[in-house]
mmCIF file of all heavy atoms, coordinates in Angstrom:
data_MODEL
# 
_entry.id   MODEL 
# 
loop_
_atom_site.group_PDB 
_atom_site.id 
_atom_site.type_symbol 
_atom_site.label_atom_id 
_atom_site.label_alt_id 
_atom_site.label_comp_id 
_atom_site.label_asym_id 
_atom_site.label_entity_id 
_atom_site.label_seq_id 
_atom_site.pdbx_PDB_ins_code 
_atom_site.Cartn_x 
_atom_site.Cartn_y 
_atom_site.Cartn_z 
_atom_site.occupancy 
_atom_site.B_iso_or_equiv 
_atom_site.pdbx_formal_charge 
_atom_site.auth_seq_id 
_atom_site.auth_comp_id 
_atom_site.auth_asym_id 
_atom_site.auth_atom_id 
_atom_site.pdbx_PDB_model_num 
ATOM 1   N N   . VAL A 1 1  ? 109.835 69.413  96.171  1.00 0.00 ? 1  VAL A N   1 
ATOM 2   C CA  . VAL A 1 1  ? 108.789 68.779  96.975  1.00 0.00 ? 1  VAL A CA  1 
ATOM 3   C C   . VAL A 1 1  ? 107.796 68.040  96.077  1.00 0.00 ? 1  VAL A C   1 
ATOM 4   O O   . VAL A 1 1  ? 107.381 66.909  96.369  1.00 0.00 ? 1  VAL A O   1 
ATOM 5   C CB  . VAL A 1 1  ? 108.058 69.828  97.843  1.00 0.00 ? 1  VAL A CB  1 
ATOM 6   C CG1 . VAL A 1 1  ? 106.854 69.214  98.550  1.00 0.00 ? 1  VAL A CG1 1 
ATOM 7   C CG2 . VAL A 1 1  ? 109.021 70.417  98.876  1.00 0.00 ? 1  VAL A CG2 1 
ATOM 8   N N   . ALA A 1 2  ? 107.428 68.668  94.966  1.00 0.00 ? 2  ALA A N   1 
ATOM 9   C CA  . ALA A 1 2  ? 106.501 68.024  94.028  1.00 0.00 ? 2  ALA A CA  1 
ATOM 10  C C   . ALA A 1 2  ? 107.101 66.747  93.458  1.00 0.00 ? 2  ALA A C   1 
ATOM 11  O O   . ALA A 1 2  ? 106.361 65.816  93.090  1.00 0.00 ? 2  ALA A O   1 
ATOM 12  C CB  . ALA A 1 2  ? 106.160 68.988  92.896  1.00 0.00 ? 2  ALA A CB  1 
ATOM 13  N N   . GLY A 1 3  ? 108.428 66.662  93.420  1.00 0.00 ? 3  GLY A N   1 
ATOM 14  C CA  . GLY A 1 3  ? 109.101 65.484  92.902  1.00 0.00 ? 3  GLY A CA  1 
ATOM 15  C C   . GLY A 1 3  ? 109.359 64.416  93.938  1.00 0.00 ? 3  GLY A C   1 
ATOM 16  O O   . GLY A 1 3  ? 110.002 63.408  93.629  1.00 0.00 ? 3  GLY A O   1 
ATOM 17  N N   . GLY A 1 4  ? 108.893 64.630  95.177  1.00 0.00 ? 4  GLY A N   1 
ATOM 18  C CA  . GLY A 1 4  ? 109.015 63.601  96.203  1.00 0.00 ? 4  GLY A CA  1 
ATOM 19  C C   . GLY A 1 4  ? 109.973 63.905  97.328  1.00 0.00 ? 4  GLY A C   1 
ATOM 20  O O   . GLY A 1 4  ? 110.102 63.105  98.268  1.00 0.00 ? 4  GLY A O   1 
ATOM 21  N N   . CYS A 1 5  ? 110.657 65.045  97.283  1.00 0.00 ? 5  CYS A N   1 
ATOM 22  C CA  . CYS A 1 5  ? 111.545 65.418  98.387  1.00 0.00 ? 5  CYS A CA  1 
ATOM 23  C C   . CYS A 1 5  ? 110.732 65.894  99.588  1.00 0.00 ? 5  CYS A C   1 
ATOM 24  O O   . CYS A 1 5  ? 109.544 66.199  99.475  1.00 0.00 ? 5  CYS A O   1 
ATOM 25  C CB  . CYS A 1 5  ? 112.517 66.505  97.940  1.00 0.00 ? 5  CYS A CB  1 
ATOM 26  S SG  . CYS A 1 5  ? 113.754 65.949  96.746  1.00 0.00 ? 5  CYS A SG  1 
ATOM 27  N N   . ASN A 1 6  ? 111.397 65.971  100.735 1.00 0.00 ? 6  ASN A N   1 
ATOM 28  C CA  . ASN A 1 6  ? 110.737 66.370  101.975 1.00 0.00 ? 6  ASN A CA  1 
ATOM 29  C C   . ASN A 1 6  ? 111.018 67.826  102.299 1.00 0.00 ? 6  ASN A C   1 
ATOM 30  O O   . ASN A 1 6  ? 112.169 68.272  102.201 1.00 0.00 ? 6  ASN A O   1 
ATOM 31  C CB  . ASN A 1 6  ? 111.221 65.506  103.150 1.00 0.00 ? 6  ASN A CB  1 
ATOM 32  C CG  . ASN A 1 6  ? 111.047 64.027  102.897 1.00 0.00 ? 6  ASN A CG  1 
ATOM 33  O OD1 . ASN A 1 6  ? 109.956 63.553  102.604 1.00 0.00 ? 6  ASN A OD1 1 
ATOM 34  N ND2 . ASN A 1 6  ? 112.143 63.276  102.998 1.00 0.00 ? 6  ASN A ND2 1 
ATOM 35  N N   . GLU A 1 7  ? 110.005 68.574  102.692 1.00 0.00 ? 7  GLU A N   1 
ATOM 36  C CA  . GLU A 1 7  ? 110.197 69.940  103.166 1.00 0.00 ? 7  GLU A CA  1 
ATOM 37  C C   . GLU A 1 7  ? 110.528 69.897  104.650 1.00 0.00 ? 7  GLU A C   1 
ATOM 38  O O   . GLU A 1 7  ? 109.714 69.485  105.471 1.00 0.00 ? 7  GLU A O   1 
ATOM 39  C CB  . GLU A 1 7  ? 108.925 70.761  102.941 1.00 0.00 ? 7  GLU A CB  1 
ATOM 40  C CG  . GLU A 1 7  ? 109.033 72.199  103.437 1.00 0.00 ? 7  GLU A CG  1 
ATOM 41  C CD  . GLU A 1 7  ? 107.747 72.983  103.246 1.00 0.00 ? 7  GLU A CD  1 
ATOM 42  O OE1 . GLU A 1 7  ? 107.225 73.023  102.107 1.00 0.00 ? 7  GLU A OE1 1 
ATOM 43  O OE2 . GLU A 1 7  ? 107.252 73.544  104.245 1.00 0.00 ? 7  GLU A OE2 1 
ATOM 44  N N   . ILE A 1 8  ? 111.730 70.330  104.998 1.00 0.00 ? 8  ILE A N   1 
ATOM 45  C CA  . ILE A 1 8  ? 112.178 70.288  106.390 1.00 0.00 ? 8  ILE A CA  1 
ATOM 46  C C   . ILE A 1 8  ? 112.004 71.643  107.072 1.00 0.00 ? 8  ILE A C   1 
ATOM 47  O O   . ILE A 1 8  ? 111.537 71.725  108.206 1.00 0.00 ? 8  ILE A O   1 
ATOM 48  C CB  . ILE A 1 8  ? 113.657 69.834  106.474 1.00 0.00 ? 8  ILE A CB  1 
ATOM 49  C CG1 . ILE A 1 8  ? 113.833 68.505  105.753 1.00 0.00 ? 8  ILE A CG1 1 
ATOM 50  C CG2 . ILE A 1 8  ? 114.103 69.741  107.926 1.00 0.00 ? 8  ILE A CG2 1 
ATOM 51  C CD1 . ILE A 1 8  ? 112.950 67.384  106.262 1.00 0.00 ? 8  ILE A CD1 1 
ATOM 52  N N   . ILE A 1 9  ? 112.381 72.720  106.388 1.00 0.00 ? 9  ILE A N   1 
ATOM 53  C CA  . ILE A 1 9  ? 112.200 74.077  106.925 1.00 0.00 ? 9  ILE A CA  1 
ATOM 54  C C   . ILE A 1 9  ? 111.624 74.950  105.823 1.00 0.00 ? 9  ILE A C   1 
ATOM 55  O O   . ILE A 1 9  ? 112.122 74.960  104.698 1.00 0.00 ? 9  ILE A O   1 
ATOM 56  C CB  . ILE A 1 9  ? 113.525 74.685  107.425 1.00 0.00 ? 9  ILE A CB  1 
ATOM 57  C CG1 . ILE A 1 9  ? 114.102 73.873  108.581 1.00 0.00 ? 9  ILE A CG1 1 
ATOM 58  C CG2 . ILE A 1 9  ? 113.328 76.144  107.862 1.00 0.00 ? 9  ILE A CG2 1 
ATOM 59  C CD1 . ILE A 1 9  ? 115.485 74.348  109.034 1.00 0.00 ? 9  ILE A CD1 1 
ATOM 60  N N   . ASN A 1 10 ? 110.580 75.683  106.157 1.00 0.00 ? 10 ASN A N   1 
ATOM 61  C CA  . ASN A 1 10 ? 110.008 76.709  105.289 1.00 0.00 ? 10 ASN A CA  1 
ATOM 62  C C   . ASN A 1 10 ? 110.198 78.026  106.017 1.00 0.00 ? 10 ASN A C   1 
ATOM 63  O O   . ASN A 1 10 ? 109.611 78.251  107.084 1.00 0.00 ? 10 ASN A O   1 
ATOM 64  C CB  . ASN A 1 10 ? 108.526 76.423  105.053 1.00 0.00 ? 10 ASN A CB  1 
ATOM 65  C CG  . ASN A 1 10 ? 107.850 77.460  104.163 1.00 0.00 ? 10 ASN A CG  1 
ATOM 66  O OD1 . ASN A 1 10 ? 108.280 78.603  104.077 1.00 0.00 ? 10 ASN A OD1 1 
ATOM 67  N ND2 . ASN A 1 10 ? 106.772 77.062  103.513 1.00 0.00 ? 10 ASN A ND2 1 
ATOM 68  N N   . ASP A 1 11 ? 111.034 78.916  105.469 1.00 0.00 ? 11 ASP A N   1 
ATOM 69  C CA  . ASP A 1 11 ? 111.393 80.112  106.250 1.00 0.00 ? 11 ASP A CA  1 
ATOM 70  C C   . ASP A 1 11 ? 110.281 81.151  106.332 1.00 0.00 ? 11 ASP A C   1 
ATOM 71  O O   . ASP A 1 11 ? 110.406 82.131  107.070 1.00 0.00 ? 11 ASP A O   1 
ATOM 72  C CB  . ASP A 1 11 ? 112.698 80.734  105.753 1.00 0.00 ? 11 ASP A CB  1 
ATOM 73  C CG  . ASP A 1 11 ? 112.584 81.476  104.437 1.00 0.00 ? 11 ASP A CG  1 
ATOM 74  O OD1 . ASP A 1 11 ? 111.523 81.420  103.789 1.00 0.00 ? 11 ASP A OD1 1 
ATOM 75  O OD2 . ASP A 1 11 ? 113.582 82.122  104.041 1.00 0.00 ? 11 ASP A OD2 1 
ATOM 76  N N   . THR A 1 12 ? 109.182 80.937  105.630 1.00 0.00 ? 12 THR A N   1 
ATOM 77  C CA  . THR A 1 12 ? 108.059 81.880  105.746 1.00 0.00 ? 12 THR A CA  1 
ATOM 78  C C   . THR A 1 12 ? 107.232 81.638  106.997 1.00 0.00 ? 12 THR A C   1 
ATOM 79  O O   . THR A 1 12 ? 106.318 82.421  107.288 1.00 0.00 ? 12 THR A O   1 
ATOM 80  C CB  . THR A 1 12 ? 107.137 81.818  104.511 1.00 0.00 ? 12 THR A CB  1 
ATOM 81  O OG1 . THR A 1 12 ? 106.501 80.532  104.454 1.00 0.00 ? 12 THR A OG1 1 
ATOM 82  C CG2 . THR A 1 12 ? 107.911 82.076  103.238 1.00 0.00 ? 12 THR A CG2 1 
ATOM 83  N N   . VAL A 1 13 ? 107.529 80.565  107.733 1.00 0.00 ? 13 VAL A N   1 
ATOM 84  C CA  . VAL A 1 13 ? 106.776 80.288  108.968 1.00 0.00 ? 13 VAL A CA  1 
ATOM 85  C C   . VAL A 1 13 ? 107.681 80.310  110.192 1.00 0.00 ? 13 VAL A C   1 
ATOM 86  O O   . VAL A 1 13 ? 107.280 79.881  111.275 1.00 0.00 ? 13 VAL A O   1 
ATOM 87  C CB  . VAL A 1 13 ? 106.020 78.939  108.877 1.00 0.00 ? 13 VAL A CB  1 
ATOM 88  C CG1 . VAL A 1 13 ? 104.968 79.003  107.792 1.00 0.00 ? 13 VAL A CG1 1 
ATOM 89  C CG2 . VAL A 1 13 ? 106.974 77.772  108.632 1.00 0.00 ? 13 VAL A CG2 1 
ATOM 90  N N   . LEU A 1 14 ? 108.905 80.802  110.029 1.00 0.00 ? 14 LEU A N   1 
ATOM 91  C CA  . LEU A 1 14 ? 109.780 80.983  111.189 1.00 0.00 ? 14 LEU A CA  1 
ATOM 92  C C   . LEU A 1 14 ? 109.374 82.246  111.947 1.00 0.00 ? 14 LEU A C   1 
ATOM 93  O O   . LEU A 1 14 ? 108.498 82.993  111.523 1.00 0.00 ? 14 LEU A O   1 
ATOM 94  C CB  . LEU A 1 14 ? 111.238 81.060  110.741 1.00 0.00 ? 14 LEU A CB  1 
ATOM 95  C CG  . LEU A 1 14 ? 111.817 79.783  110.114 1.00 0.00 ? 14 LEU A CG  1 
ATOM 96  C CD1 . LEU A 1 14 ? 113.252 80.034  109.644 1.00 0.00 ? 14 LEU A CD1 1 
ATOM 97  C CD2 . LEU A 1 14 ? 111.767 78.612  111.080 1.00 0.00 ? 14 LEU A CD2 1 
ATOM 98  N N   . ASP A 1 15 ? 110.038 82.505  113.057 1.00 0.00 ? 15 ASP A N   1 
ATOM 99  C CA  . ASP A 1 15 ? 109.693 83.669  113.871 1.00 0.00 ? 15 ASP A CA  1 
ATOM 100 C C   . ASP A 1 15 ? 110.331 84.958  113.368 1.00 0.00 ? 15 ASP A C   1 
ATOM 101 O O   . ASP A 1 15 ? 109.839 86.051  113.637 1.00 0.00 ? 15 ASP A O   1 
ATOM 102 C CB  . ASP A 1 15 ? 110.123 83.443  115.336 1.00 0.00 ? 15 ASP A CB  1 
ATOM 103 C CG  . ASP A 1 15 ? 109.314 82.356  116.011 1.00 0.00 ? 15 ASP A CG  1 
ATOM 104 O OD1 . ASP A 1 15 ? 108.150 82.143  115.603 1.00 0.00 ? 15 ASP A OD1 1 
ATOM 105 O OD2 . ASP A 1 15 ? 109.841 81.716  116.947 1.00 0.00 ? 15 ASP A OD2 1 
ATOM 106 N N   . THR A 1 16 ? 111.445 84.830  112.644 1.00 0.00 ? 16 THR A N   1 
ATOM 107 C CA  . THR A 1 16 ? 112.209 86.005  112.224 1.00 0.00 ? 16 THR A CA  1 
ATOM 108 C C   . THR A 1 16 ? 112.380 86.013  110.718 1.00 0.00 ? 16 THR A C   1 
ATOM 109 O O   . THR A 1 16 ? 112.539 84.960  110.093 1.00 0.00 ? 16 THR A O   1 
ATOM 110 C CB  . THR A 1 16 ? 113.600 86.010  112.902 1.00 0.00 ? 16 THR A CB  1 
ATOM 111 O OG1 . THR A 1 16 ? 113.428 85.934  114.320 1.00 0.00 ? 16 THR A OG1 1 
ATOM 112 C CG2 . THR A 1 16 ? 114.380 87.274  112.561 1.00 0.00 ? 16 THR A CG2 1 
ATOM 113 N N   . ASN A 1 17 ? 112.357 87.201  110.140 1.00 0.00 ? 17 ASN A N   1 
ATOM 114 C CA  . ASN A 1 17 ? 112.572 87.374  108.703 1.00 0.00 ? 17 ASN A CA  1 
ATOM 115 C C   . ASN A 1 17 ? 114.071 87.451  108.415 1.00 0.00 ? 17 ASN A C   1 
ATOM 116 O O   . ASN A 1 17 ? 114.765 88.308  108.947 1.00 0.00 ? 17 ASN A O   1 
ATOM 117 C CB  . ASN A 1 17 ? 111.881 88.662  108.230 1.00 0.00 ? 17 ASN A CB  1 
ATOM 118 C CG  . ASN A 1 17 ? 112.038 88.889  106.746 1.00 0.00 ? 17 ASN A CG  1 
ATOM 119 O OD1 . ASN A 1 17 ? 111.939 87.951  105.967 1.00 0.00 ? 17 ASN A OD1 1 
ATOM 120 N ND2 . ASN A 1 17 ? 112.285 90.122  106.353 1.00 0.00 ? 17 ASN A ND2 1 
ATOM 121 N N   . TYR A 1 18 ? 114.575 86.551  107.582 1.00 0.00 ? 18 TYR A N   1 
ATOM 122 C CA  . TYR A 1 18 ? 115.997 86.530  107.251 1.00 0.00 ? 18 TYR A CA  1 
ATOM 123 C C   . TYR A 1 18 ? 116.271 86.795  105.771 1.00 0.00 ? 18 TYR A C   1 
ATOM 124 O O   . TYR A 1 18 ? 117.247 87.455  105.436 1.00 0.00 ? 18 TYR A O   1 
ATOM 125 C CB  . TYR A 1 18 ? 116.610 85.171  107.617 1.00 0.00 ? 18 TYR A CB  1 
ATOM 126 C CG  . TYR A 1 18 ? 116.473 84.789  109.067 1.00 0.00 ? 18 TYR A CG  1 
ATOM 127 C CD1 . TYR A 1 18 ? 115.602 83.772  109.457 1.00 0.00 ? 18 TYR A CD1 1 
ATOM 128 C CD2 . TYR A 1 18 ? 117.211 85.425  110.063 1.00 0.00 ? 18 TYR A CD2 1 
ATOM 129 C CE1 . TYR A 1 18 ? 115.473 83.406  110.782 1.00 0.00 ? 18 TYR A CE1 1 
ATOM 130 C CE2 . TYR A 1 18 ? 117.090 85.072  111.393 1.00 0.00 ? 18 TYR A CE2 1 
ATOM 131 C CZ  . TYR A 1 18 ? 116.217 84.054  111.754 1.00 0.00 ? 18 TYR A CZ  1 
ATOM 132 O OH  . TYR A 1 18 ? 116.074 83.698  113.075 1.00 0.00 ? 18 TYR A OH  1 
ATOM 133 N N   . SER A 1 19 ? 115.445 86.230  104.897 1.00 0.00 ? 19 SER A N   1 
ATOM 134 C CA  . SER A 1 19 ? 115.757 86.274  103.455 1.00 0.00 ? 19 SER A CA  1 
ATOM 135 C C   . SER A 1 19 ? 115.299 87.596  102.850 1.00 0.00 ? 19 SER A C   1 
ATOM 136 O O   . SER A 1 19 ? 114.113 87.837  102.674 1.00 0.00 ? 19 SER A O   1 
ATOM 137 C CB  . SER A 1 19 ? 115.102 85.100  102.719 1.00 0.00 ? 19 SER A CB  1 
ATOM 138 O OG  . SER A 1 19 ? 113.712 85.051  102.954 1.00 0.00 ? 19 SER A OG  1 
ATOM 139 N N   . ILE A 1 20 ? 116.265 88.451  102.552 1.00 0.00 ? 20 ILE A N   1 
ATOM 140 C CA  . ILE A 1 20 ? 116.002 89.787  102.015 1.00 0.00 ? 20 ILE A CA  1 
ATOM 141 C C   . ILE A 1 20 ? 116.872 90.008  100.789 1.00 0.00 ? 20 ILE A C   1 
ATOM 142 O O   . ILE A 1 20 ? 118.085 89.797  100.821 1.00 0.00 ? 20 ILE A O   1 
ATOM 143 C CB  . ILE A 1 20 ? 116.328 90.885  103.056 1.00 0.00 ? 20 ILE A CB  1 
ATOM 144 C CG1 . ILE A 1 20 ? 115.535 90.657  104.344 1.00 0.00 ? 20 ILE A CG1 1 
ATOM 145 C CG2 . ILE A 1 20 ? 116.045 92.272  102.493 1.00 0.00 ? 20 ILE A CG2 1 
ATOM 146 C CD1 . ILE A 1 20 ? 115.986 91.536  105.490 1.00 0.00 ? 20 ILE A CD1 1 
ATOM 147 N N   . THR A 1 21 ? 116.236 90.431  99.688  1.00 0.00 ? 21 THR A N   1 
ATOM 148 C CA  . THR A 1 21 ? 116.984 90.907  98.536  1.00 0.00 ? 21 THR A CA  1 
ATOM 149 C C   . THR A 1 21 ? 116.639 92.375  98.324  1.00 0.00 ? 21 THR A C   1 
ATOM 150 O O   . THR A 1 21 ? 115.586 92.853  98.759  1.00 0.00 ? 21 THR A O   1 
ATOM 151 C CB  . THR A 1 21 ? 116.673 90.104  97.271  1.00 0.00 ? 21 THR A CB  1 
ATOM 152 O OG1 . THR A 1 21 ? 115.251 90.035  97.080  1.00 0.00 ? 21 THR A OG1 1 
ATOM 153 C CG2 . THR A 1 21 ? 117.236 88.700  97.372  1.00 0.00 ? 21 THR A CG2 1 
ATOM 154 N N   . VAL A 1 22 ? 117.533 93.090  97.658  1.00 0.00 ? 22 VAL A N   1 
ATOM 155 C CA  . VAL A 1 22 ? 117.410 94.543  97.579  1.00 0.00 ? 22 VAL A CA  1 
ATOM 156 C C   . VAL A 1 22 ? 117.761 95.042  96.180  1.00 0.00 ? 22 VAL A C   1 
ATOM 157 O O   . VAL A 1 22 ? 118.370 94.332  95.379  1.00 0.00 ? 22 VAL A O   1 
ATOM 158 C CB  . VAL A 1 22 ? 118.339 95.230  98.607  1.00 0.00 ? 22 VAL A CB  1 
ATOM 159 C CG1 . VAL A 1 22 ? 117.974 94.840  100.026 1.00 0.00 ? 22 VAL A CG1 1 
ATOM 160 C CG2 . VAL A 1 22 ? 119.814 94.907  98.321  1.00 0.00 ? 22 VAL A CG2 1 
ATOM 161 N N   . ILE A 1 23 ? 117.353 96.274  95.911  1.00 0.00 ? 23 ILE A N   1 
ATOM 162 C CA  . ILE A 1 23 ? 117.831 97.004  94.741  1.00 0.00 ? 23 ILE A CA  1 
ATOM 163 C C   . ILE A 1 23 ? 118.845 98.019  95.258  1.00 0.00 ? 23 ILE A C   1 
ATOM 164 O O   . ILE A 1 23 ? 118.517 98.849  96.110  1.00 0.00 ? 23 ILE A O   1 
ATOM 165 C CB  . ILE A 1 23 ? 116.695 97.731  93.996  1.00 0.00 ? 23 ILE A CB  1 
ATOM 166 C CG1 . ILE A 1 23 ? 115.527 96.779  93.716  1.00 0.00 ? 23 ILE A CG1 1 
ATOM 167 C CG2 . ILE A 1 23 ? 117.234 98.351  92.714  1.00 0.00 ? 23 ILE A CG2 1 
ATOM 168 C CD1 . ILE A 1 23 ? 115.858 95.586  92.865  1.00 0.00 ? 23 ILE A CD1 1 
ATOM 169 N N   . ALA A 1 24 ? 120.066 97.932  94.763  1.00 0.00 ? 24 ALA A N   1 
ATOM 170 C CA  . ALA A 1 24 ? 121.136 98.803  95.244  1.00 0.00 ? 24 ALA A CA  1 
ATOM 171 C C   . ALA A 1 24 ? 121.814 99.499  94.072  1.00 0.00 ? 24 ALA A C   1 
ATOM 172 O O   . ALA A 1 24 ? 121.976 98.910  93.002  1.00 0.00 ? 24 ALA A O   1 
ATOM 173 C CB  . ALA A 1 24 ? 122.166 98.008  96.043  1.00 0.00 ? 24 ALA A CB  1 
ATOM 174 N N   . PHE A 1 25 ? 122.182 100.760 94.296  1.00 0.00 ? 25 PHE A N   1 
ATOM 175 C CA  . PHE A 1 25 ? 122.910 101.545 93.296  1.00 0.00 ? 25 PHE A CA  1 
ATOM 176 C C   . PHE A 1 25 ? 124.268 101.950 93.861  1.00 0.00 ? 25 PHE A C   1 
ATOM 177 O O   . PHE A 1 25 ? 124.451 102.034 95.089  1.00 0.00 ? 25 PHE A O   1 
ATOM 178 C CB  . PHE A 1 25 ? 122.121 102.805 92.935  1.00 0.00 ? 25 PHE A CB  1 
ATOM 179 C CG  . PHE A 1 25 ? 120.963 102.569 92.016  1.00 0.00 ? 25 PHE A CG  1 
ATOM 180 C CD1 . PHE A 1 25 ? 119.720 102.231 92.516  1.00 0.00 ? 25 PHE A CD1 1 
ATOM 181 C CD2 . PHE A 1 25 ? 121.117 102.667 90.638  1.00 0.00 ? 25 PHE A CD2 1 
ATOM 182 C CE1 . PHE A 1 25 ? 118.654 101.992 91.680  1.00 0.00 ? 25 PHE A CE1 1 
ATOM 183 C CE2 . PHE A 1 25 ? 120.053 102.440 89.789  1.00 0.00 ? 25 PHE A CE2 1 
ATOM 184 C CZ  . PHE A 1 25 ? 118.813 102.099 90.301  1.00 0.00 ? 25 PHE A CZ  1 
ATOM 185 N N   . SER A 1 26 ? 125.198 102.203 92.964  1.00 0.00 ? 26 SER A N   1 
ATOM 186 C CA  . SER A 1 26 ? 126.488 102.696 93.428  1.00 0.00 ? 26 SER A CA  1 
ATOM 187 C C   . SER A 1 26 ? 126.297 104.067 94.070  1.00 0.00 ? 26 SER A C   1 
ATOM 188 O O   . SER A 1 26 ? 125.469 104.865 93.619  1.00 0.00 ? 26 SER A O   1 
ATOM 189 C CB  . SER A 1 26 ? 127.494 102.800 92.275  1.00 0.00 ? 26 SER A CB  1 
ATOM 190 O OG  . SER A 1 26 ? 127.187 103.884 91.423  1.00 0.00 ? 26 SER A OG  1 
ATOM 191 N N   . LYS A 1 27 ? 127.036 104.313 95.116  1.00 0.00 ? 27 LYS A N   1 
ATOM 192 C CA  . LYS A 1 27 ? 126.942 105.610 95.794  1.00 0.00 ? 27 LYS A CA  1 
ATOM 193 C C   . LYS A 1 27 ? 127.292 106.737 94.832  1.00 0.00 ? 27 LYS A C   1 
ATOM 194 O O   . LYS A 1 27 ? 126.662 107.809 94.844  1.00 0.00 ? 27 LYS A O   1 
ATOM 195 C CB  . LYS A 1 27 ? 127.866 105.648 97.004  1.00 0.00 ? 27 LYS A CB  1 
ATOM 196 C CG  . LYS A 1 27 ? 127.789 106.955 97.797  1.00 0.00 ? 27 LYS A CG  1 
ATOM 197 C CD  . LYS A 1 27 ? 128.712 106.925 99.002  1.00 0.00 ? 27 LYS A CD  1 
ATOM 198 C CE  . LYS A 1 27 ? 128.575 108.216 99.813  1.00 0.00 ? 27 LYS A CE  1 
ATOM 199 N NZ  . LYS A 1 27 ? 128.914 109.421 99.036  1.00 0.00 ? 27 LYS A NZ  1 
ATOM 200 N N   . LYS A 1 28 ? 128.271 106.484 93.975  1.00 0.00 ? 28 LYS A N   1 
ATOM 201 C CA  . LYS A 1 28 ? 128.678 107.502 92.998  1.00 0.00 ? 28 LYS A CA  1 
ATOM 202 C C   . LYS A 1 28 ? 127.517 107.863 92.076  1.00 0.00 ? 28 LYS A C   1 
ATOM 203 O O   . LYS A 1 28 ? 127.258 109.044 91.821  1.00 0.00 ? 28 LYS A O   1 
ATOM 204 C CB  . LYS A 1 28 ? 129.869 106.986 92.182  1.00 0.00 ? 28 LYS A CB  1 
ATOM 205 C CG  . LYS A 1 28 ? 130.407 107.959 91.137  1.00 0.00 ? 28 LYS A CG  1 
ATOM 206 C CD  . LYS A 1 28 ? 131.621 107.356 90.435  1.00 0.00 ? 28 LYS A CD  1 
ATOM 207 C CE  . LYS A 1 28 ? 132.244 108.344 89.455  1.00 0.00 ? 28 LYS A CE  1 
ATOM 208 N NZ  . LYS A 1 28 ? 131.352 108.672 88.319  1.00 0.00 ? 28 LYS A NZ  1 
ATOM 209 N N   . PHE A 1 29 ? 126.796 106.859 91.583  1.00 0.00 ? 29 PHE A N   1 
ATOM 210 C CA  . PHE A 1 29 ? 125.678 107.140 90.684  1.00 0.00 ? 29 PHE A CA  1 
ATOM 211 C C   . PHE A 1 29 ? 124.573 107.906 91.412  1.00 0.00 ? 29 PHE A C   1 
ATOM 212 O O   . PHE A 1 29 ? 123.997 108.849 90.863  1.00 0.00 ? 29 PHE A O   1 
ATOM 213 C CB  . PHE A 1 29 ? 125.110 105.838 90.103  1.00 0.00 ? 29 PHE A CB  1 
ATOM 214 C CG  . PHE A 1 29 ? 124.035 106.067 89.077  1.00 0.00 ? 29 PHE A CG  1 
ATOM 215 C CD1 . PHE A 1 29 ? 124.375 106.329 87.759  1.00 0.00 ? 29 PHE A CD1 1 
ATOM 216 C CD2 . PHE A 1 29 ? 122.698 106.052 89.429  1.00 0.00 ? 29 PHE A CD2 1 
ATOM 217 C CE1 . PHE A 1 29 ? 123.382 106.556 86.807  1.00 0.00 ? 29 PHE A CE1 1 
ATOM 218 C CE2 . PHE A 1 29 ? 121.706 106.276 88.489  1.00 0.00 ? 29 PHE A CE2 1 
ATOM 219 C CZ  . PHE A 1 29 ? 122.050 106.536 87.172  1.00 0.00 ? 29 PHE A CZ  1 
# 
């Protein structure tokens, strides 16, 4: 955006939370 591109969708202002990252361990560990 700073370089001149257009912001079409910003997911922080949508109605639902979709983008989730997690810390996961092997079940064995």
